[in-house]
N, C-alpha and C. Protein backbone atom coordinates (compact mmCIF):
# COMPACT_ATOMS: atom_id res chain seq x y z
N MET A 1 4.19 224.69 -12.71
CA MET A 1 3.72 225.04 -13.91
C MET A 1 2.37 225.73 -14.14
N ALA A 2 2.06 226.58 -14.75
CA ALA A 2 0.94 227.40 -14.84
C ALA A 2 -0.54 226.28 -15.71
N SER A 3 -1.27 226.48 -14.81
CA SER A 3 -2.34 225.48 -15.58
C SER A 3 -3.06 226.28 -16.50
N ILE A 4 -3.20 225.73 -17.69
CA ILE A 4 -4.31 226.35 -18.92
C ILE A 4 -5.64 226.42 -18.66
N ARG A 5 -6.20 227.90 -18.89
CA ARG A 5 -7.52 228.12 -18.75
C ARG A 5 -8.09 228.23 -19.84
N THR A 6 -9.16 227.37 -19.92
CA THR A 6 -9.92 227.40 -21.45
C THR A 6 -11.34 228.31 -21.23
N HIS A 7 -11.98 228.26 -22.47
CA HIS A 7 -13.07 228.91 -22.62
C HIS A 7 -14.41 228.17 -21.36
N TYR A 8 -14.16 226.91 -21.37
CA TYR A 8 -15.00 226.05 -20.81
C TYR A 8 -14.55 226.52 -18.88
N ASP A 9 -13.54 226.70 -18.85
CA ASP A 9 -13.01 226.87 -17.44
C ASP A 9 -13.80 228.16 -17.33
N LEU A 10 -13.40 229.21 -17.87
CA LEU A 10 -14.10 230.71 -17.74
C LEU A 10 -15.51 230.84 -17.39
N LEU A 11 -16.32 229.86 -18.22
CA LEU A 11 -17.88 229.61 -18.13
C LEU A 11 -18.27 228.88 -17.13
N GLU A 12 -17.47 228.17 -16.37
CA GLU A 12 -17.35 226.95 -15.47
C GLU A 12 -18.18 225.74 -15.58
N VAL A 13 -18.29 225.41 -16.95
CA VAL A 13 -18.78 224.34 -17.23
C VAL A 13 -17.88 223.26 -17.87
N SER A 14 -18.27 222.22 -18.06
CA SER A 14 -17.61 221.01 -18.75
C SER A 14 -17.58 221.22 -20.38
N PRO A 15 -16.38 220.56 -21.02
CA PRO A 15 -16.16 220.63 -22.28
C PRO A 15 -17.52 219.63 -22.94
N SER A 16 -17.98 218.97 -22.36
CA SER A 16 -19.46 218.22 -22.57
C SER A 16 -20.94 219.10 -22.61
N ALA A 17 -20.57 220.38 -22.19
CA ALA A 17 -21.90 220.78 -21.77
C ALA A 17 -22.65 221.23 -23.21
N ASP A 18 -23.93 221.12 -23.08
CA ASP A 18 -24.72 221.58 -24.27
C ASP A 18 -25.06 222.92 -24.41
N ALA A 19 -25.74 223.59 -25.31
CA ALA A 19 -25.87 224.89 -25.56
C ALA A 19 -26.74 225.48 -24.45
N SER A 20 -27.76 224.90 -23.81
CA SER A 20 -28.43 225.35 -22.61
C SER A 20 -27.45 225.58 -21.24
N GLU A 21 -26.49 224.74 -21.17
CA GLU A 21 -25.76 224.83 -20.11
C GLU A 21 -24.60 225.74 -20.15
N ILE A 22 -24.36 226.18 -21.31
CA ILE A 22 -23.42 227.09 -21.58
C ILE A 22 -24.23 228.63 -21.76
N ARG A 23 -25.40 228.68 -22.00
CA ARG A 23 -26.35 230.03 -22.08
C ARG A 23 -26.51 230.23 -20.59
N HIS A 24 -26.81 229.13 -19.60
CA HIS A 24 -27.30 229.32 -18.48
C HIS A 24 -26.11 229.90 -17.29
N ALA A 25 -25.06 229.45 -17.94
CA ALA A 25 -23.68 229.59 -17.26
C ALA A 25 -22.99 231.08 -17.42
N PHE A 26 -23.57 231.46 -18.89
CA PHE A 26 -23.19 232.80 -19.07
C PHE A 26 -23.97 234.10 -18.74
N CYS A 27 -25.23 233.49 -18.58
CA CYS A 27 -26.44 234.46 -17.96
C CYS A 27 -26.02 234.50 -16.24
N ARG A 28 -25.70 233.53 -15.52
CA ARG A 28 -25.25 233.47 -14.26
C ARG A 28 -23.82 234.49 -13.96
N LEU A 29 -22.92 233.98 -14.70
CA LEU A 29 -21.75 234.79 -14.49
C LEU A 29 -21.88 236.29 -15.07
N SER A 30 -22.48 236.60 -16.16
CA SER A 30 -22.77 237.98 -16.64
C SER A 30 -23.03 238.90 -15.59
N LYS A 31 -24.12 238.23 -14.80
CA LYS A 31 -25.07 238.97 -13.54
C LYS A 31 -23.85 239.22 -12.61
N LEU A 32 -23.22 238.33 -12.29
CA LEU A 32 -22.14 238.27 -11.12
C LEU A 32 -21.23 239.13 -11.35
N LEU A 33 -20.78 239.21 -12.55
CA LEU A 33 -19.22 240.09 -12.99
C LEU A 33 -19.73 241.45 -13.82
N HIS A 34 -21.06 241.59 -14.06
CA HIS A 34 -21.25 242.74 -14.96
C HIS A 34 -20.73 243.90 -14.06
N PRO A 35 -19.90 244.95 -14.79
CA PRO A 35 -19.26 246.42 -14.06
C PRO A 35 -20.34 246.78 -13.27
N ASP A 36 -21.61 247.06 -13.77
CA ASP A 36 -22.65 247.77 -13.16
C ASP A 36 -23.39 247.12 -11.87
N THR A 37 -22.98 245.96 -11.86
CA THR A 37 -23.68 244.99 -10.66
C THR A 37 -23.02 244.27 -9.95
N THR A 38 -21.39 244.41 -9.95
CA THR A 38 -20.70 243.42 -9.15
C THR A 38 -20.01 244.29 -7.87
N VAL A 39 -19.39 243.79 -7.19
CA VAL A 39 -18.69 244.30 -5.89
C VAL A 39 -17.09 244.54 -6.33
N LEU A 40 -16.79 244.06 -7.55
CA LEU A 40 -15.16 243.91 -7.59
C LEU A 40 -14.87 245.35 -8.34
N PRO A 41 -13.70 245.58 -8.28
CA PRO A 41 -13.21 246.84 -8.84
C PRO A 41 -13.48 246.82 -10.10
N ALA A 42 -13.80 248.21 -10.55
CA ALA A 42 -14.27 248.19 -11.89
C ALA A 42 -13.21 247.61 -13.07
N GLU A 43 -12.17 248.19 -13.10
CA GLU A 43 -11.48 247.65 -14.06
C GLU A 43 -11.32 245.92 -14.00
N GLU A 44 -11.47 245.25 -12.90
CA GLU A 44 -11.05 243.76 -12.81
C GLU A 44 -12.27 243.19 -13.41
N ALA A 45 -13.53 243.90 -13.01
CA ALA A 45 -14.92 243.50 -13.41
C ALA A 45 -14.80 243.77 -14.66
N ALA A 46 -14.68 244.43 -15.64
CA ALA A 46 -14.66 245.03 -16.69
C ALA A 46 -13.72 243.62 -17.73
N ARG A 47 -12.44 243.22 -17.13
CA ARG A 47 -11.84 242.41 -17.69
C ARG A 47 -12.39 241.08 -17.65
N ARG A 48 -12.81 240.81 -16.40
CA ARG A 48 -13.37 239.37 -16.36
C ARG A 48 -14.79 239.28 -17.39
N PHE A 49 -15.61 240.19 -17.03
CA PHE A 49 -16.62 240.30 -17.64
C PHE A 49 -16.42 240.31 -19.38
N GLN A 50 -15.62 240.68 -19.72
CA GLN A 50 -15.32 240.77 -21.33
C GLN A 50 -14.88 239.22 -21.73
N LYS A 51 -13.85 238.47 -20.75
CA LYS A 51 -13.66 237.18 -21.14
C LYS A 51 -14.53 236.54 -20.94
N VAL A 52 -15.53 236.63 -20.27
CA VAL A 52 -16.58 235.73 -20.14
C VAL A 52 -17.57 236.02 -21.44
N CYS A 53 -17.71 237.05 -21.70
CA CYS A 53 -18.37 237.35 -23.21
C CYS A 53 -17.61 236.98 -24.34
N GLU A 54 -16.42 236.78 -24.29
CA GLU A 54 -15.78 236.38 -25.53
C GLU A 54 -15.77 234.60 -25.63
N ALA A 55 -15.78 234.22 -24.45
CA ALA A 55 -15.91 232.71 -24.12
C ALA A 55 -17.19 232.10 -24.68
N TYR A 56 -18.24 232.87 -24.19
CA TYR A 56 -19.69 232.82 -24.62
C TYR A 56 -20.01 232.94 -26.15
N GLU A 57 -19.45 234.12 -26.77
CA GLU A 57 -19.60 233.96 -27.93
C GLU A 57 -18.98 233.16 -28.85
N LEU A 58 -17.79 232.45 -28.20
CA LEU A 58 -17.12 231.41 -29.29
C LEU A 58 -17.88 230.15 -28.83
N LEU A 59 -18.24 229.75 -27.99
CA LEU A 59 -18.82 228.33 -27.38
C LEU A 59 -20.39 228.49 -27.73
N SER A 60 -21.03 229.39 -27.73
CA SER A 60 -22.01 229.57 -28.31
C SER A 60 -22.44 229.26 -29.84
N ASP A 61 -21.43 229.35 -30.97
CA ASP A 61 -21.50 229.23 -31.94
C ASP A 61 -21.04 227.56 -32.19
N PRO A 62 -21.75 226.81 -32.85
CA PRO A 62 -21.42 225.39 -33.09
C PRO A 62 -20.03 225.22 -33.91
N GLN A 63 -19.79 226.22 -35.06
CA GLN A 63 -18.82 225.74 -35.63
C GLN A 63 -17.56 226.47 -35.10
N LEU A 64 -17.72 227.56 -34.59
CA LEU A 64 -16.45 227.92 -33.88
C LEU A 64 -16.19 227.38 -32.78
N ARG A 65 -17.23 226.63 -32.00
CA ARG A 65 -16.74 225.66 -30.86
C ARG A 65 -16.15 224.45 -31.37
N GLU A 66 -16.27 224.14 -32.53
CA GLU A 66 -16.08 222.72 -33.07
C GLU A 66 -14.59 223.24 -33.36
N ALA A 67 -14.04 224.15 -34.02
CA ALA A 67 -12.88 224.44 -34.41
C ALA A 67 -12.03 224.81 -33.12
N TYR A 68 -12.69 225.38 -32.20
CA TYR A 68 -12.12 225.55 -31.01
C TYR A 68 -11.51 224.46 -29.99
N ASP A 69 -12.55 223.31 -30.28
CA ASP A 69 -12.28 221.81 -29.64
C ASP A 69 -11.30 221.22 -30.22
N SER A 70 -11.41 221.22 -31.55
CA SER A 70 -9.94 220.83 -32.22
C SER A 70 -8.91 221.40 -31.89
N HIS A 71 -8.60 222.64 -31.85
CA HIS A 71 -7.59 223.27 -31.35
C HIS A 71 -7.21 222.98 -30.23
N LEU A 72 -7.77 222.52 -29.15
CA LEU A 72 -7.57 222.41 -27.80
C LEU A 72 -7.02 221.12 -27.79
N VAL A 73 -7.36 219.99 -28.44
CA VAL A 73 -6.87 218.69 -28.68
C VAL A 73 -5.73 218.73 -29.00
N GLU A 74 -5.38 219.67 -30.04
CA GLU A 74 -3.72 219.49 -30.61
C GLU A 74 -2.98 220.17 -29.71
N VAL A 75 -3.51 220.96 -28.75
CA VAL A 75 -2.89 221.81 -27.46
C VAL A 75 -2.07 220.93 -26.66
N CYS A 76 -3.33 219.97 -26.31
CA CYS A 76 -3.20 218.97 -25.00
C CYS A 76 -2.30 217.82 -25.45
N LEU A 77 -2.14 217.57 -26.85
CA LEU A 77 -1.26 216.61 -27.30
C LEU A 77 0.31 217.08 -27.44
N GLU A 78 0.35 218.24 -27.69
CA GLU A 78 1.70 218.95 -27.82
C GLU A 78 2.05 219.06 -26.32
N ILE A 79 1.24 219.23 -25.22
CA ILE A 79 1.82 219.43 -24.04
C ILE A 79 1.93 218.06 -23.61
N LYS A 80 1.49 216.99 -23.82
CA LYS A 80 1.68 215.56 -23.43
C LYS A 80 2.83 215.32 -23.82
N ASP A 81 3.40 215.46 -25.48
CA ASP A 81 4.42 215.19 -26.24
C ASP A 81 5.51 216.03 -25.44
N THR A 82 5.66 217.06 -25.12
CA THR A 82 6.61 217.75 -24.47
C THR A 82 6.91 217.23 -23.01
N VAL A 83 5.99 217.13 -22.13
CA VAL A 83 6.19 216.44 -20.89
C VAL A 83 6.81 215.04 -20.90
N GLY A 84 6.60 214.10 -21.83
CA GLY A 84 6.60 213.14 -21.84
C GLY A 84 8.49 213.18 -22.63
N GLU A 85 8.59 214.03 -23.23
CA GLU A 85 10.12 214.08 -23.76
C GLU A 85 10.87 214.41 -22.39
N ALA A 86 10.33 215.33 -21.60
CA ALA A 86 11.01 216.14 -20.80
C ALA A 86 11.33 214.94 -19.28
N GLY A 87 10.46 214.24 -19.30
CA GLY A 87 10.22 212.95 -18.40
C GLY A 87 11.33 211.80 -18.81
N ALA A 88 11.70 211.84 -19.60
CA ALA A 88 12.47 210.60 -20.61
C ALA A 88 13.93 210.58 -20.45
N PHE A 89 14.26 211.04 -18.97
CA PHE A 89 16.05 210.78 -18.79
C PHE A 89 16.26 209.69 -18.42
């Protein structure tokens, strides 16, 4: 089964990270992944940099982050229910 990658995973922070930790992680990763400064192939760098930017944009906004976290809880509960049903043979 493929693991679910969250915006927290993309920024390499925990879901309990505060705004400062999220900003620090974004700055570190954006320097590492920016297409103009990385050793990665241009297409991969651009793709990864864009994902990190999207994650930061969402997690740096308290209202968007709250909605995102609520959605994550719902998804995790659905997965748990699905796995529980599959193992109930």
